[in-house]
PDB file of N, CA and C in Angstrom:
ATOM      1  N   MET A   1      23.156  10.722  -2.140  1.00  0.00           N
ATOM      2  CA  MET A   1      22.644  10.231  -3.331  1.00  0.00           C
ATOM      3  C   MET A   1      21.074   9.869  -3.073  1.00  0.00           C
ATOM      4  N   SER A   2      20.263  10.343  -3.974  1.00  0.00           N
ATOM      5  CA  SER A   2      18.965  10.042  -3.830  1.00  0.00           C
ATOM      6  C   SER A   2      18.476   8.811  -4.524  1.00  0.00           C
ATOM      7  N   GLN A   3      17.397   8.221  -4.139  1.00  0.00           N
ATOM      8  CA  GLN A   3      16.806   7.021  -4.559  1.00  0.00           C
ATOM      9  C   GLN A   3      16.314   7.242  -6.062  1.00  0.00           C
ATOM     10  N   LEU A   4      16.411   6.384  -6.947  1.00  0.00           N
ATOM     11  CA  LEU A   4      16.001   6.408  -8.197  1.00  0.00           C
ATOM     12  C   LEU A   4      14.295   6.171  -8.154  1.00  0.00           C
ATOM     13  N   ARG A   5      13.680   6.793  -9.141  1.00  0.00           N
ATOM     14  CA  ARG A   5      12.353   6.698  -9.214  1.00  0.00           C
ATOM     15  C   ARG A   5      11.790   5.215  -9.350  1.00  0.00           C
ATOM     16  N   LYS A   6      12.519   4.515 -10.162  1.00  0.00           N
ATOM     17  CA  LYS A   6      12.328   2.994 -10.222  1.00  0.00           C
ATOM     18  C   LYS A   6      12.428   2.210  -8.973  1.00  0.00           C
ATOM     19  N   HIS A   7      13.451   2.626  -8.235  1.00  0.00           N
ATOM     20  CA  HIS A   7      13.687   1.914  -6.939  1.00  0.00           C
ATOM     21  C   HIS A   7      12.599   2.391  -6.002  1.00  0.00           C
ATOM     22  N   SER A   8      12.155   3.616  -6.114  1.00  0.00           N
ATOM     23  CA  SER A   8      10.903   4.029  -5.215  1.00  0.00           C
ATOM     24  C   SER A   8       9.748   3.240  -5.498  1.00  0.00           C
ATOM     25  N   MET A   9       9.524   3.121  -6.783  1.00  0.00           N
ATOM     26  CA  MET A   9       8.230   2.383  -7.277  1.00  0.00           C
ATOM     27  C   MET A   9       8.474   0.924  -6.662  1.00  0.00           C
ATOM     28  N   LEU A  10       9.591   0.222  -7.006  1.00  0.00           N
ATOM     29  CA  LEU A  10       9.911  -1.160  -6.619  1.00  0.00           C
ATOM     30  C   LEU A  10       9.471  -1.305  -5.108  1.00  0.00           C
ATOM     31  N   GLU A  11      10.074  -0.449  -4.242  1.00  0.00           N
ATOM     32  CA  GLU A  11       9.965  -0.483  -2.776  1.00  0.00           C
ATOM     33  C   GLU A  11       8.542  -0.283  -2.344  1.00  0.00           C
ATOM     34  N   ALA A  12       7.819   0.696  -2.890  1.00  0.00           N
ATOM     35  CA  ALA A  12       6.459   0.899  -2.630  1.00  0.00           C
ATOM     36  C   ALA A  12       5.640  -0.256  -2.975  1.00  0.00           C
ATOM     37  N   GLY A  13       5.932  -0.743  -4.230  1.00  0.00           N
ATOM     38  CA  GLY A  13       5.265  -2.076  -4.645  1.00  0.00           C
ATOM     39  C   GLY A  13       5.400  -3.205  -3.769  1.00  0.00           C
ATOM     40  N   LEU A  14       6.621  -3.507  -3.352  1.00  0.00           N
ATOM     41  CA  LEU A  14       6.810  -4.609  -2.492  1.00  0.00           C
ATOM     42  C   LEU A  14       6.080  -4.464  -1.143  1.00  0.00           C
ATOM     43  N   SER A  15       6.196  -3.174  -0.588  1.00  0.00           N
ATOM     44  CA  SER A  15       5.461  -2.957   0.682  1.00  0.00           C
ATOM     45  C   SER A  15       3.989  -3.079   0.524  1.00  0.00           C
ATOM     46  N   VAL A  16       3.461  -2.670  -0.575  1.00  0.00           N
ATOM     47  CA  VAL A  16       1.938  -2.687  -0.710  1.00  0.00           C
ATOM     48  C   VAL A  16       1.589  -4.169  -1.035  1.00  0.00           C
ATOM     49  N   ALA A  17       2.337  -4.932  -1.700  1.00  0.00           N
ATOM     50  CA  ALA A  17       1.948  -6.298  -1.986  1.00  0.00           C
ATOM     51  C   ALA A  17       1.955  -7.052  -0.669  1.00  0.00           C
ATOM     52  N   ILE A  18       2.825  -6.732   0.177  1.00  0.00           N
ATOM     53  CA  ILE A  18       2.810  -7.489   1.541  1.00  0.00           C
ATOM     54  C   ILE A  18       1.611  -7.018   2.184  1.00  0.00           C
ATOM     55  N   GLY A  19       1.397  -5.656   2.187  1.00  0.00           N
ATOM     56  CA  GLY A  19       0.128  -5.048   2.789  1.00  0.00           C
ATOM     57  C   GLY A  19      -1.134  -5.675   2.290  1.00  0.00           C
ATOM     58  N   TYR A  20      -1.157  -5.995   0.948  1.00  0.00           N
ATOM     59  CA  TYR A  20      -2.368  -6.469   0.459  1.00  0.00           C
ATOM     60  C   TYR A  20      -2.704  -7.819   1.016  1.00  0.00           C
ATOM     61  N   THR A  21      -1.679  -8.749   1.137  1.00  0.00           N
ATOM     62  CA  THR A  21      -1.844  -9.992   1.686  1.00  0.00           C
ATOM     63  C   THR A  21      -2.260  -9.908   3.180  1.00  0.00           C
ATOM     64  N   VAL A  22      -1.674  -9.095   3.900  1.00  0.00           N
ATOM     65  CA  VAL A  22      -2.059  -8.900   5.289  1.00  0.00           C
ATOM     66  C   VAL A  22      -3.402  -8.367   5.379  1.00  0.00           C
ATOM     67  N   ALA A  23      -3.864  -7.490   4.499  1.00  0.00           N
ATOM     68  CA  ALA A  23      -5.221  -6.963   4.608  1.00  0.00           C
ATOM     69  C   ALA A  23      -6.196  -7.852   4.184  1.00  0.00           C
ATOM     70  N   VAL A  24      -5.972  -8.792   3.290  1.00  0.00           N
ATOM     71  CA  VAL A  24      -6.956  -9.861   2.868  1.00  0.00           C
ATOM     72  C   VAL A  24      -7.203 -10.781   4.077  1.00  0.00           C
ATOM     73  N   VAL A  25      -6.142 -11.270   4.632  1.00  0.00           N
ATOM     74  CA  VAL A  25      -6.119 -12.153   5.858  1.00  0.00           C
ATOM     75  C   VAL A  25      -6.962 -11.391   6.989  1.00  0.00           C
ATOM     76  N   ALA A  26      -6.497 -10.254   7.203  1.00  0.00           N
ATOM     77  CA  ALA A  26      -7.203  -9.402   8.331  1.00  0.00           C
ATOM     78  C   ALA A  26      -8.644  -9.247   8.098  1.00  0.00           C
ATOM     79  N   GLN A  27      -9.010  -8.801   6.855  1.00  0.00           N
ATOM     80  CA  GLN A  27     -10.520  -8.726   6.503  1.00  0.00           C
ATOM     81  C   GLN A  27     -11.202  -9.976   6.683  1.00  0.00           C
ATOM     82  N   MET A  28     -10.745 -10.995   6.199  1.00  0.00           N
ATOM     83  CA  MET A  28     -11.293 -12.389   6.325  1.00  0.00           C
ATOM     84  C   MET A  28     -11.537 -12.738   7.874  1.00  0.00           C
ATOM     85  N   SER A  29     -10.676 -12.205   8.777  1.00  0.00           N
ATOM     86  CA  SER A  29     -10.768 -12.615  10.055  1.00  0.00           C
ATOM     87  C   SER A  29     -11.713 -11.632  10.806  1.00  0.00           C
ATOM     88  N   LEU A  30     -11.551 -10.318  10.407  1.00  0.00           N
ATOM     89  CA  LEU A  30     -12.363  -9.308  11.149  1.00  0.00           C
ATOM     90  C   LEU A  30     -13.634  -9.040  10.676  1.00  0.00           C
ATOM     91  N   TYR A  31     -14.064  -9.141   9.516  1.00  0.00           N
ATOM     92  CA  TYR A  31     -15.328  -8.844   8.843  1.00  0.00           C
ATOM     93  C   TYR A  31     -16.357  -9.694   9.620  1.00  0.00           C
ATOM     94  N   PRO A  32     -16.232 -10.839   9.932  1.00  0.00           N
ATOM     95  CA  PRO A  32     -17.265 -11.658  10.504  1.00  0.00           C
ATOM     96  C   PRO A  32     -17.493 -11.236  11.804  1.00  0.00           C
ATOM     97  N   TRP A  33     -16.584 -10.716  12.573  1.00  0.00           N
ATOM     98  CA  TRP A  33     -16.831 -10.189  13.968  1.00  0.00           C
ATOM     99  C   TRP A  33     -17.787  -8.994  13.931  1.00  0.00           C
ATOM    100  N   PHE A  34     -17.839  -8.278  12.795  1.00  0.00           N
ATOM    101  CA  PHE A  34     -18.602  -7.063  12.801  1.00  0.00           C
ATOM    102  C   PHE A  34     -19.826  -7.315  11.968  1.00  0.00           C
ATOM    103  N   GLY A  35     -20.227  -8.597  11.859  1.00  0.00           N
ATOM    104  CA  GLY A  35     -21.439  -8.993  11.044  1.00  0.00           C
ATOM    105  C   GLY A  35     -21.400  -8.989   9.561  1.00  0.00           C
ATOM    106  N   PHE A  36     -20.213  -8.848   8.986  1.00  0.00           N
ATOM    107  CA  PHE A  36     -20.205  -8.579   7.554  1.00  0.00           C
ATOM    108  C   PHE A  36     -19.809  -9.999   6.899  1.00  0.00           C
ATOM    109  N   ASP A  37     -20.824 -10.358   6.058  1.00  0.00           N
ATOM    110  CA  ASP A  37     -20.495 -11.597   5.267  1.00  0.00           C
ATOM    111  C   ASP A  37     -20.065 -11.244   3.821  1.00  0.00           C
ATOM    112  N   VAL A  38     -18.689 -11.352   3.728  1.00  0.00           N
ATOM    113  CA  VAL A  38     -18.040 -10.903   2.486  1.00  0.00           C
ATOM    114  C   VAL A  38     -17.349 -12.191   1.842  1.00  0.00           C
ATOM    115  N   SER A  39     -17.639 -12.360   0.537  1.00  0.00           N
ATOM    116  CA  SER A  39     -17.138 -13.575  -0.010  1.00  0.00           C
ATOM    117  C   SER A  39     -15.591 -13.331  -0.281  1.00  0.00           C
ATOM    118  N   LEU A  40     -14.777 -14.358  -0.597  1.00  0.00           N
ATOM    119  CA  LEU A  40     -13.474 -14.242  -0.883  1.00  0.00           C
ATOM    120  C   LEU A  40     -13.175 -13.391  -1.999  1.00  0.00           C
ATOM    121  N   VAL A  41     -13.990 -13.537  -3.222  1.00  0.00           N
ATOM    122  CA  VAL A  41     -13.690 -12.614  -4.346  1.00  0.00           C
ATOM    123  C   VAL A  41     -13.925 -11.150  -4.052  1.00  0.00           C
ATOM    124  N   ASP A  42     -15.018 -10.867  -3.243  1.00  0.00           N
ATOM    125  CA  ASP A  42     -15.300  -9.498  -2.837  1.00  0.00           C
ATOM    126  C   ASP A  42     -14.131  -9.036  -1.876  1.00  0.00           C
ATOM    127  N   ASN A  43     -13.686  -9.862  -0.954  1.00  0.00           N
ATOM    128  CA  ASN A  43     -12.537  -9.494  -0.126  1.00  0.00           C
ATOM    129  C   ASN A  43     -11.345  -9.065  -1.060  1.00  0.00           C
ATOM    130  N   LEU A  44     -11.054  -9.899  -1.949  1.00  0.00           N
ATOM    131  CA  LEU A  44      -9.926  -9.704  -2.839  1.00  0.00           C
ATOM    132  C   LEU A  44     -10.064  -8.348  -3.615  1.00  0.00           C
ATOM    133  N   ILE A  45     -11.330  -8.113  -4.115  1.00  0.00           N
ATOM    134  CA  ILE A  45     -11.466  -6.884  -4.981  1.00  0.00           C
ATOM    135  C   ILE A  45     -11.388  -5.628  -4.027  1.00  0.00           C
ATOM    136  N   LEU A  46     -11.993  -5.666  -2.812  1.00  0.00           N
ATOM    137  CA  LEU A  46     -11.932  -4.626  -1.851  1.00  0.00           C
ATOM    138  C   LEU A  46     -10.439  -4.230  -1.430  1.00  0.00           C
ATOM    139  N   ALA A  47      -9.648  -5.337  -1.139  1.00  0.00           N
ATOM    140  CA  ALA A  47      -8.296  -5.092  -0.798  1.00  0.00           C
ATOM    141  C   ALA A  47      -7.587  -4.540  -2.074  1.00  0.00           C
ATOM    142  N   GLY A  48      -8.003  -4.957  -3.326  1.00  0.00           N
ATOM    143  CA  GLY A  48      -7.344  -4.476  -4.395  1.00  0.00           C
ATOM    144  C   GLY A  48      -7.387  -3.015  -4.556  1.00  0.00           C
ATOM    145  N   PHE A  49      -8.615  -2.483  -4.161  1.00  0.00           N
ATOM    146  CA  PHE A  49      -8.907  -0.994  -4.334  1.00  0.00           C
ATOM    147  C   PHE A  49      -8.013  -0.242  -3.393  1.00  0.00           C
ATOM    148  N   PHE A  50      -8.010  -0.791  -2.116  1.00  0.00           N
ATOM    149  CA  PHE A  50      -7.248  -0.185  -1.102  1.00  0.00           C
ATOM    150  C   PHE A  50      -5.775  -0.266  -1.507  1.00  0.00           C
ATOM    151  N   THR A  51      -5.310  -1.262  -2.102  1.00  0.00           N
ATOM    152  CA  THR A  51      -3.904  -1.496  -2.470  1.00  0.00           C
ATOM    153  C   THR A  51      -3.500  -0.608  -3.561  1.00  0.00           C
ATOM    154  N   VAL A  52      -4.266  -0.197  -4.576  1.00  0.00           N
ATOM    155  CA  VAL A  52      -3.975   0.683  -5.504  1.00  0.00           C
ATOM    156  C   VAL A  52      -3.748   2.138  -4.805  1.00  0.00           C
ATOM    157  N   ILE A  53      -4.691   2.398  -3.998  1.00  0.00           N
ATOM    158  CA  ILE A  53      -4.752   3.781  -3.303  1.00  0.00           C
ATOM    159  C   ILE A  53      -3.317   3.864  -2.475  1.00  0.00           C
ATOM    160  N   SER A  54      -3.037   2.629  -1.810  1.00  0.00           N
ATOM    161  CA  SER A  54      -1.870   2.617  -0.922  1.00  0.00           C
ATOM    162  C   SER A  54      -0.573   2.770  -1.775  1.00  0.00           C
ATOM    163  N   LEU A  55      -0.571   2.029  -3.012  1.00  0.00           N
ATOM    164  CA  LEU A  55       0.680   2.179  -3.825  1.00  0.00           C
ATOM    165  C   LEU A  55       0.834   3.584  -4.249  1.00  0.00           C
ATOM    166  N   ILE A  56      -0.128   4.339  -4.573  1.00  0.00           N
ATOM    167  CA  ILE A  56      -0.092   5.708  -5.075  1.00  0.00           C
ATOM    168  C   ILE A  56       0.380   6.586  -3.987  1.00  0.00           C
ATOM    169  N   ARG A  57      -0.218   6.465  -2.762  1.00  0.00           N
ATOM    170  CA  ARG A  57       0.266   7.211  -1.554  1.00  0.00           C
ATOM    171  C   ARG A  57       1.751   7.015  -1.295  1.00  0.00           C
ATOM    172  N   SER A  58       2.156   5.729  -1.200  1.00  0.00           N
ATOM    173  CA  SER A  58       3.419   5.379  -0.864  1.00  0.00           C
ATOM    174  C   SER A  58       4.421   5.882  -1.795  1.00  0.00           C
ATOM    175  N   TYR A  59       4.129   5.789  -2.974  1.00  0.00           N
ATOM    176  CA  TYR A  59       5.192   6.369  -4.037  1.00  0.00           C
ATOM    177  C   TYR A  59       5.285   7.819  -3.953  1.00  0.00           C
ATOM    178  N   TYR A  60       4.146   8.610  -3.713  1.00  0.00           N
ATOM    179  CA  TYR A  60       4.285   9.965  -3.726  1.00  0.00           C
ATOM    180  C   TYR A  60       4.955  10.564  -2.281  1.00  0.00           C
ATOM    181  N   ILE A  61       4.541   9.883  -1.286  1.00  0.00           N
ATOM    182  CA  ILE A  61       5.350  10.300  -0.078  1.00  0.00           C
ATOM    183  C   ILE A  61       6.868  10.020  -0.171  1.00  0.00           C
ATOM    184  N   ARG A  62       7.246   8.802  -0.816  1.00  0.00           N
ATOM    185  CA  ARG A  62       8.683   8.596  -1.035  1.00  0.00           C
ATOM    186  C   ARG A  62       9.238   9.605  -1.755  1.00  0.00           C
ATOM    187  N   ARG A  63       8.615  10.097  -3.005  1.00  0.00           N
ATOM    188  CA  ARG A  63       9.167  11.061  -3.802  1.00  0.00           C
ATOM    189  C   ARG A  63       9.216  12.396  -3.026  1.00  0.00           C
ATOM    190  N   LEU A  64       8.276  12.657  -2.252  1.00  0.00           N
ATOM    191  CA  LEU A  64       8.264  14.009  -1.631  1.00  0.00           C
ATOM    192  C   LEU A  64       9.504  14.076  -0.475  1.00  0.00           C
ATOM    193  N   PHE A  65       9.688  13.027   0.232  1.00  0.00           N
ATOM    194  CA  PHE A  65      10.998  12.856   1.037  1.00  0.00           C
ATOM    195  C   PHE A  65      12.103  13.007   0.325  1.00  0.00           C
ATOM    196  N   ASN A  66      12.290  12.355  -0.852  1.00  0.00           N
ATOM    197  CA  ASN A  66      13.465  12.491  -1.667  1.00  0.00           C
ATOM    198  C   ASN A  66      13.656  13.913  -2.122  1.00  0.00           C
ATOM    199  N   HIS A  67      12.587  14.560  -2.516  1.00  0.00           N
ATOM    200  CA  HIS A  67      12.650  15.935  -2.921  1.00  0.00           C
ATOM    201  C   HIS A  67      13.152  16.704  -1.795  1.00  0.00           C
ATOM    202  N   TRP A  68      12.598  16.654  -0.607  1.00  0.00           N
ATOM    203  CA  TRP A  68      13.056  17.334   0.672  1.00  0.00           C
ATOM    204  C   TRP A  68      14.543  17.095   0.955  1.00  0.00           C
ATOM    205  N   HIS A  69      14.937  15.941   0.741  1.00  0.00           N
ATOM    206  CA  HIS A  69      16.388  15.526   0.953  1.00  0.00           C
ATOM    207  C   HIS A  69      17.307  16.198   0.070  1.00  0.00           C
ATOM    208  N   LYS A  70      16.818  16.269  -1.191  1.00  0.00           N
ATOM    209  CA  LYS A  70      17.654  16.976  -2.242  1.00  0.00           C
ATOM    210  C   LYS A  70      17.717  18.386  -2.071  1.00  0.00           C
ATOM    211  N   THR A  71      16.618  19.194  -1.497  1.00  0.00           N
ATOM    212  CA  THR A  71      16.598  20.585  -1.310  1.00  0.00           C
ATOM    213  C   THR A  71      17.026  20.941  -0.025  1.00  0.00           C
ATOM    214  N   GLY A  72      17.443  19.994   0.858  1.00  0.00           N
ATOM    215  CA  GLY A  72      17.901  20.390   2.110  1.00  0.00           C
ATOM    216  C   GLY A  72      16.913  20.618   3.263  1.00  0.00           C
ATOM    217  N   VAL A  73      15.763  20.359   2.996  1.00  0.00           N
ATOM    218  CA  VAL A  73      14.599  20.543   3.982  1.00  0.00           C
ATOM    219  C   VAL A  73      14.828  19.466   5.161  1.00  0.00           C
ATOM    220  N   LEU A  74      15.144  18.247   4.769  1.00  0.00           N
ATOM    221  CA  LEU A  74      15.547  17.179   5.745  1.00  0.00           C
ATOM    222  C   LEU A  74      16.981  16.972   5.738  1.00  0.00           C
TER     223      LEU A  74
END
């Protein structure tokens, strides 16, 4: 049985939400080491852009693997 599209989106969304939180904390920790002075708001916005990209990527990779599973490729 394959995973429903709704479940794929939920799983990808949860994964990306956790990733967003980790990214913001990592950025706030790492940027100063590289001489970047980024405000909290700018940090949240930057992480937001990468989060949207990650959500789209995760969803389509999941759908691709489900397609391969259905067609017997995997």
